Amino acid sequence: MTNFDYYRATADKVNAAILRKVKLPWQVEYQPADDAVASGKSGEQKLLMVSPSGLICQRISLPKAEAESFWSDKESVCSIVSEYVVRGASRLAPLRQTSYRNNFPHWLEECIQQLHYLIGSKDKLLQLMTDTHYPFPSKVKVQGNYLPCWVWYKENNQYAVSVIDRRTGLFSKPQTVGDDQLVDNEKWFGAQVIDSADECIETVTYYISELVRKQTDPTEPEPTLTDVIHNPCKSTLSPVLSFGLIMGVVVSFFLIFKMLLGF
């Protein structure tokens, strides 16, 4: 079995395990117009896809007429959508690179929004979601650099992709690229360290529990020094702690420098 085969087998196991845990059906909930006005998007309709447990599973913002043509308020979301979200999470979980891990929270809440930038009808959207070849994480060559991305579909020999910001994990707006701009998946996955199925299930479970925590307690706690060491890209420190950390590094450097020079 190649590393690529192992990756796909692992993702399939994780997908089956997580699907068994997903509470269905999700329901569409329109947010009040006041929220849209407050955000500066008075012509937009914000809507949520909410699980029976109350967890917000997707956040979408669309022009009001478009929102109504796709998702009616209080509508039960068909299982194709939840299966799509879980499939993507299962394919993200085996990858250890920080950029993909940082994307996890955004995937769990915002991946369907990316498809709305690309697709103009609900029938086409659902048809796209039934293609189990997609979506998948990959890398795309942009201005000479290979960047982490999501691949949404292929049409007319062009791939629709969204680049992932390496530091924040945020999606960029989708763009189309040629075959030659994507890495060879088999070779690329062959060079990755792939977590086991059990580790991947723990990873997905962790990010879902973090999503629950964030939604039930939206106040973000001050990160500890351990948080900064383990995930410096995501963590932000208070000015005092930041200054203390920098001074500690500077003092340590001069002490080591002094010892090496012997004075």
Protein backbone atom coordinates (compact mmCIF):
# COMPACT_ATOMS: atom_id res chain seq x y z
CA MET A 1 0.00 0.00 0.00
CA THR A 2 1.39 3.40 -0.97
CA ASN A 3 1.26 6.37 1.38
CA PHE A 4 -1.44 7.87 -0.85
CA ASP A 5 -3.53 4.69 -0.55
CA TYR A 6 -3.00 4.74 3.22
CA TYR A 7 -4.16 8.37 3.35
CA ARG A 8 -7.35 7.59 1.42
CA ALA A 9 -8.09 4.48 3.49
CA THR A 10 -7.57 6.47 6.70
CA ALA A 11 -9.83 9.30 5.52
CA ASP A 12 -12.56 6.79 4.62
CA LYS A 13 -12.41 5.21 8.10
CA VAL A 14 -12.57 8.61 9.78
CA ASN A 15 -15.45 9.68 7.55
CA ALA A 16 -17.51 6.62 8.50
CA ALA A 17 -16.76 7.07 12.22
CA ILE A 18 -17.65 10.79 12.31
CA LEU A 19 -20.81 10.37 10.23
CA ARG A 20 -22.14 8.01 12.89
CA LYS A 21 -21.77 10.79 15.46
CA VAL A 22 -23.34 13.63 13.49
CA LYS A 23 -26.75 14.70 14.77
CA LEU A 24 -29.28 15.25 11.99
CA PRO A 25 -31.12 16.94 10.47
CA TRP A 26 -29.48 20.34 10.40
CA GLN A 27 -31.93 23.22 10.11
CA VAL A 28 -31.61 26.58 8.37
CA GLU A 29 -32.04 29.58 10.65
CA TYR A 30 -32.14 33.09 9.23
CA GLN A 31 -30.49 35.75 11.36
CA PRO A 32 -32.40 38.96 12.07
CA ALA A 33 -31.93 41.83 9.62
CA ASP A 34 -30.52 43.96 12.46
CA ASP A 35 -27.45 41.71 12.58
CA ALA A 36 -26.80 42.25 8.87
CA VAL A 37 -27.18 46.04 9.22
CA ALA A 38 -24.79 46.05 12.18
CA SER A 39 -22.18 44.21 10.12
CA GLY A 40 -22.43 46.75 7.29
CA LYS A 41 -24.11 44.30 4.88
CA SER A 42 -27.70 45.53 4.77
CA GLY A 43 -28.39 43.75 1.46
CA GLU A 44 -27.17 40.43 2.78
CA GLN A 45 -29.07 37.62 4.47
CA LYS A 46 -27.03 35.78 7.05
CA LEU A 47 -28.13 32.25 7.78
CA LEU A 48 -26.98 29.38 9.94
CA MET A 49 -27.14 25.63 9.57
CA VAL A 50 -27.82 24.35 13.07
CA SER A 51 -27.74 20.77 14.39
CA PRO A 52 -30.47 19.41 16.72
CA SER A 53 -28.06 19.95 19.62
CA GLY A 54 -27.89 23.69 18.82
CA LEU A 55 -24.38 23.61 17.36
CA ILE A 56 -23.87 26.04 14.47
CA CYS A 57 -22.43 23.83 11.72
CA GLN A 58 -22.19 26.38 8.90
CA ARG A 59 -22.42 30.15 8.55
CA ILE A 60 -23.46 31.57 5.19
CA SER A 61 -24.03 35.12 3.95
CA LEU A 62 -25.81 35.68 0.62
CA PRO A 63 -27.78 38.40 -1.16
CA LYS A 64 -31.30 38.13 0.20
CA ALA A 65 -32.94 36.89 -3.01
CA GLU A 66 -30.19 34.32 -3.56
CA ALA A 67 -30.45 33.10 0.03
CA GLU A 68 -34.18 32.49 -0.36
CA SER A 69 -33.65 30.56 -3.61
CA PHE A 70 -31.11 28.28 -1.96
CA TRP A 71 -32.21 27.88 1.65
CA SER A 72 -35.62 28.65 3.12
CA ASP A 73 -35.83 29.71 6.75
CA LYS A 74 -36.51 26.70 9.04
CA GLU A 75 -35.81 24.31 6.15
CA SER A 76 -34.30 20.93 7.04
CA VAL A 77 -30.91 20.63 5.35
CA CYS A 78 -30.54 17.45 3.29
CA SER A 79 -27.91 14.98 4.46
CA ILE A 80 -25.81 15.59 1.31
CA VAL A 81 -24.60 18.83 2.91
CA SER A 82 -23.56 17.33 6.26
CA GLU A 83 -21.90 14.41 4.45
CA TYR A 84 -19.91 16.90 2.37
CA VAL A 85 -18.70 18.81 5.44
CA VAL A 86 -17.72 15.59 7.24
CA ARG A 87 -15.97 14.23 4.13
CA GLY A 88 -13.80 17.33 3.93
CA ALA A 89 -12.97 17.24 7.64
CA SER A 90 -12.02 13.56 7.33
CA ARG A 91 -9.62 14.37 4.50
CA LEU A 92 -8.13 17.27 6.42
CA ALA A 93 -7.55 15.36 9.66
CA PRO A 94 -4.65 13.09 8.56
CA LEU A 95 -2.48 16.08 7.57
CA ARG A 96 -0.21 17.46 10.29
CA GLN A 97 0.97 20.65 8.60
CA THR A 98 0.06 23.76 10.59
CA SER A 99 -1.68 25.53 7.70
CA TYR A 100 -4.19 22.67 7.34
CA ARG A 101 -4.73 22.39 11.10
CA ASN A 102 -5.34 26.14 11.29
CA ASN A 103 -7.99 25.76 8.58
CA PHE A 104 -10.01 23.24 10.60
CA PRO A 105 -12.22 25.73 12.49
CA HIS A 106 -12.95 27.60 9.26
CA TRP A 107 -13.81 24.39 7.44
CA LEU A 108 -16.29 23.38 10.12
CA GLU A 109 -18.17 26.70 9.85
CA GLU A 110 -17.46 28.27 6.46
CA CYS A 111 -16.75 25.68 3.75
CA ILE A 112 -20.24 25.87 2.19
CA GLN A 113 -19.81 29.64 1.82
CA GLN A 114 -16.89 28.94 -0.54
CA LEU A 115 -19.14 26.92 -2.82
CA HIS A 116 -21.66 29.74 -2.95
CA TYR A 117 -18.98 31.97 -4.48
CA LEU A 118 -18.79 29.46 -7.34
CA ILE A 119 -22.25 27.95 -7.82
CA GLY A 120 -25.39 29.80 -8.93
CA SER A 121 -28.12 27.20 -8.39
CA LYS A 122 -29.09 24.84 -5.61
CA ASP A 123 -29.45 21.85 -7.93
CA LYS A 124 -25.91 22.30 -9.21
CA LEU A 125 -24.64 22.83 -5.67
CA LEU A 126 -26.15 19.57 -4.41
CA GLN A 127 -25.03 17.71 -7.53
CA LEU A 128 -21.47 18.91 -6.92
CA MET A 129 -21.62 17.75 -3.30
CA THR A 130 -22.57 14.21 -4.33
CA ASP A 131 -19.27 13.77 -6.22
CA THR A 132 -17.23 11.97 -3.56
CA HIS A 133 -13.95 12.66 -5.38
CA TYR A 134 -14.22 16.20 -4.01
CA PRO A 135 -13.37 18.19 -1.99
CA PHE A 136 -9.77 17.46 -1.10
CA PRO A 137 -6.83 19.40 0.37
CA SER A 138 -3.85 19.94 -1.89
CA LYS A 139 -1.25 22.51 -2.95
CA VAL A 140 -1.43 24.92 -5.86
CA LYS A 141 1.29 26.89 -7.59
CA VAL A 142 0.57 30.62 -7.44
CA GLN A 143 3.20 33.12 -8.59
CA GLY A 144 5.91 30.50 -8.30
CA ASN A 145 4.99 29.33 -4.78
CA TYR A 146 3.12 26.17 -3.80
CA LEU A 147 0.38 27.16 -1.36
CA PRO A 148 -2.03 24.98 0.66
CA CYS A 149 -5.50 24.91 -0.82
CA TRP A 150 -8.84 23.15 -1.14
CA VAL A 151 -9.90 21.73 -4.51
CA TRP A 152 -13.67 22.02 -5.05
CA TYR A 153 -14.24 20.56 -8.52
CA LYS A 154 -12.93 20.35 -12.08
CA GLU A 155 -14.73 21.87 -15.06
CA ASN A 156 -13.50 22.50 -18.61
CA ASN A 157 -9.99 21.31 -17.67
CA GLN A 158 -9.85 23.92 -14.89
CA TYR A 159 -9.87 23.31 -11.15
CA ALA A 160 -11.77 25.56 -8.75
CA VAL A 161 -9.60 26.05 -5.66
CA SER A 162 -9.40 28.20 -2.53
CA VAL A 163 -5.96 28.98 -1.14
CA ILE A 164 -5.54 28.59 2.63
CA ASP A 165 -3.73 31.34 4.51
CA ARG A 166 -0.80 29.54 6.14
CA ARG A 167 -0.87 31.61 9.33
CA THR A 168 -4.58 32.06 10.02
CA GLY A 169 -6.08 29.13 8.11
CA LEU A 170 -8.62 31.44 6.45
CA PHE A 171 -9.97 30.68 2.99
CA SER A 172 -9.18 33.02 0.13
CA LYS A 173 -11.86 33.69 -2.49
CA PRO A 174 -12.01 30.78 -4.96
CA GLN A 175 -10.12 30.92 -8.24
CA THR A 176 -9.67 28.63 -11.23
CA VAL A 177 -6.29 27.10 -12.09
CA GLY A 178 -4.93 24.74 -14.70
CA ASP A 179 -3.91 21.09 -14.27
CA ASP A 180 -0.25 22.03 -14.24
CA GLN A 181 -0.66 24.30 -11.21
CA LEU A 182 -1.76 21.55 -8.81
CA VAL A 183 0.77 19.20 -7.25
CA ASP A 184 0.72 15.55 -8.21
CA ASN A 185 -1.48 14.23 -5.38
CA GLU A 186 0.01 10.76 -5.30
CA LYS A 187 3.58 12.11 -5.03
CA TRP A 188 2.64 14.86 -2.59
CA PHE A 189 0.66 12.63 -0.24
CA GLY A 190 3.47 10.10 -0.55
CA ALA A 191 5.77 12.60 1.16
CA GLN A 192 3.37 13.45 4.01
CA VAL A 193 3.32 12.07 7.54
CA ILE A 194 -0.17 10.61 7.85
CA ASP A 195 -1.84 10.16 11.24
CA SER A 196 -3.60 6.91 12.09
CA ALA A 197 -7.40 6.66 11.88
CA ASP A 198 -7.71 6.79 15.69
CA GLU A 199 -5.52 9.91 15.86
CA CYS A 200 -7.57 11.53 13.09
CA ILE A 201 -10.85 10.82 14.86
CA GLU A 202 -9.38 12.45 17.98
CA THR A 203 -8.35 15.45 15.86
CA VAL A 204 -11.83 15.94 14.39
CA THR A 205 -13.42 15.43 17.82
CA TYR A 206 -11.05 18.01 19.32
CA TYR A 207 -11.91 20.70 16.76
CA ILE A 208 -15.63 20.03 17.11
CA SER A 209 -15.35 20.34 20.90
CA GLU A 210 -13.44 23.61 20.39
CA LEU A 211 -16.25 24.81 18.14
CA VAL A 212 -18.78 23.96 20.84
CA ARG A 213 -16.68 25.76 23.46
CA LYS A 214 -16.31 28.86 21.28
CA GLN A 215 -20.05 29.04 20.62
CA THR A 216 -21.06 28.50 24.25
CA ASP A 217 -18.32 30.75 25.67
CA PRO A 218 -17.32 33.27 22.97
CA THR A 219 -14.83 35.10 25.21
CA GLU A 220 -11.36 34.01 24.09
CA PRO A 221 -9.06 33.20 27.04
CA GLU A 222 -5.58 34.72 27.18
CA PRO A 223 -3.21 32.12 25.67
CA THR A 224 -0.59 30.58 27.91
CA LEU A 225 3.11 30.34 27.10
CA THR A 226 2.50 26.68 26.23
CA ASP A 227 -0.11 27.73 23.65
CA VAL A 228 2.39 30.09 22.07
CA ILE A 229 5.10 27.43 21.89
CA HIS A 230 2.78 24.80 20.38
CA ASN A 231 0.91 27.08 18.00
CA PRO A 232 2.64 30.47 17.64
CA CYS A 233 0.68 31.36 14.49
CA LYS A 234 -2.69 31.34 16.23
CA SER A 235 -1.78 32.65 19.65
CA THR A 236 -1.65 36.29 20.70
CA LEU A 237 -0.15 37.46 23.94
CA SER A 238 -0.80 40.53 26.06
CA PRO A 239 1.79 43.32 25.59
CA VAL A 240 3.29 42.72 29.04
CA LEU A 241 3.74 38.98 28.51
CA SER A 242 5.04 39.58 24.96
CA PHE A 243 7.63 42.07 26.25
CA GLY A 244 8.65 39.69 29.04
CA LEU A 245 9.06 36.82 26.59
CA ILE A 246 11.19 38.93 24.23
CA MET A 247 13.38 40.21 27.08
CA GLY A 248 13.84 36.64 28.31
CA VAL A 249 15.07 35.57 24.89
CA VAL A 250 17.42 38.59 24.64
CA VAL A 251 18.90 38.02 28.12
CA SER A 252 19.37 34.30 27.43
CA PHE A 253 21.14 35.09 24.17
CA PHE A 254 23.63 37.45 25.83
CA LEU A 255 24.31 35.00 28.67
CA ILE A 256 25.05 32.19 26.21
CA PHE A 257 27.13 34.56 24.07
CA LYS A 258 29.11 35.63 27.15
CA MET A 259 29.75 32.01 28.17
CA LEU A 260 30.95 31.08 24.70
CA LEU A 261 33.41 33.98 24.65
CA GLY A 262 34.59 33.17 28.15
CA PHE A 263 34.13 36.51 29.89
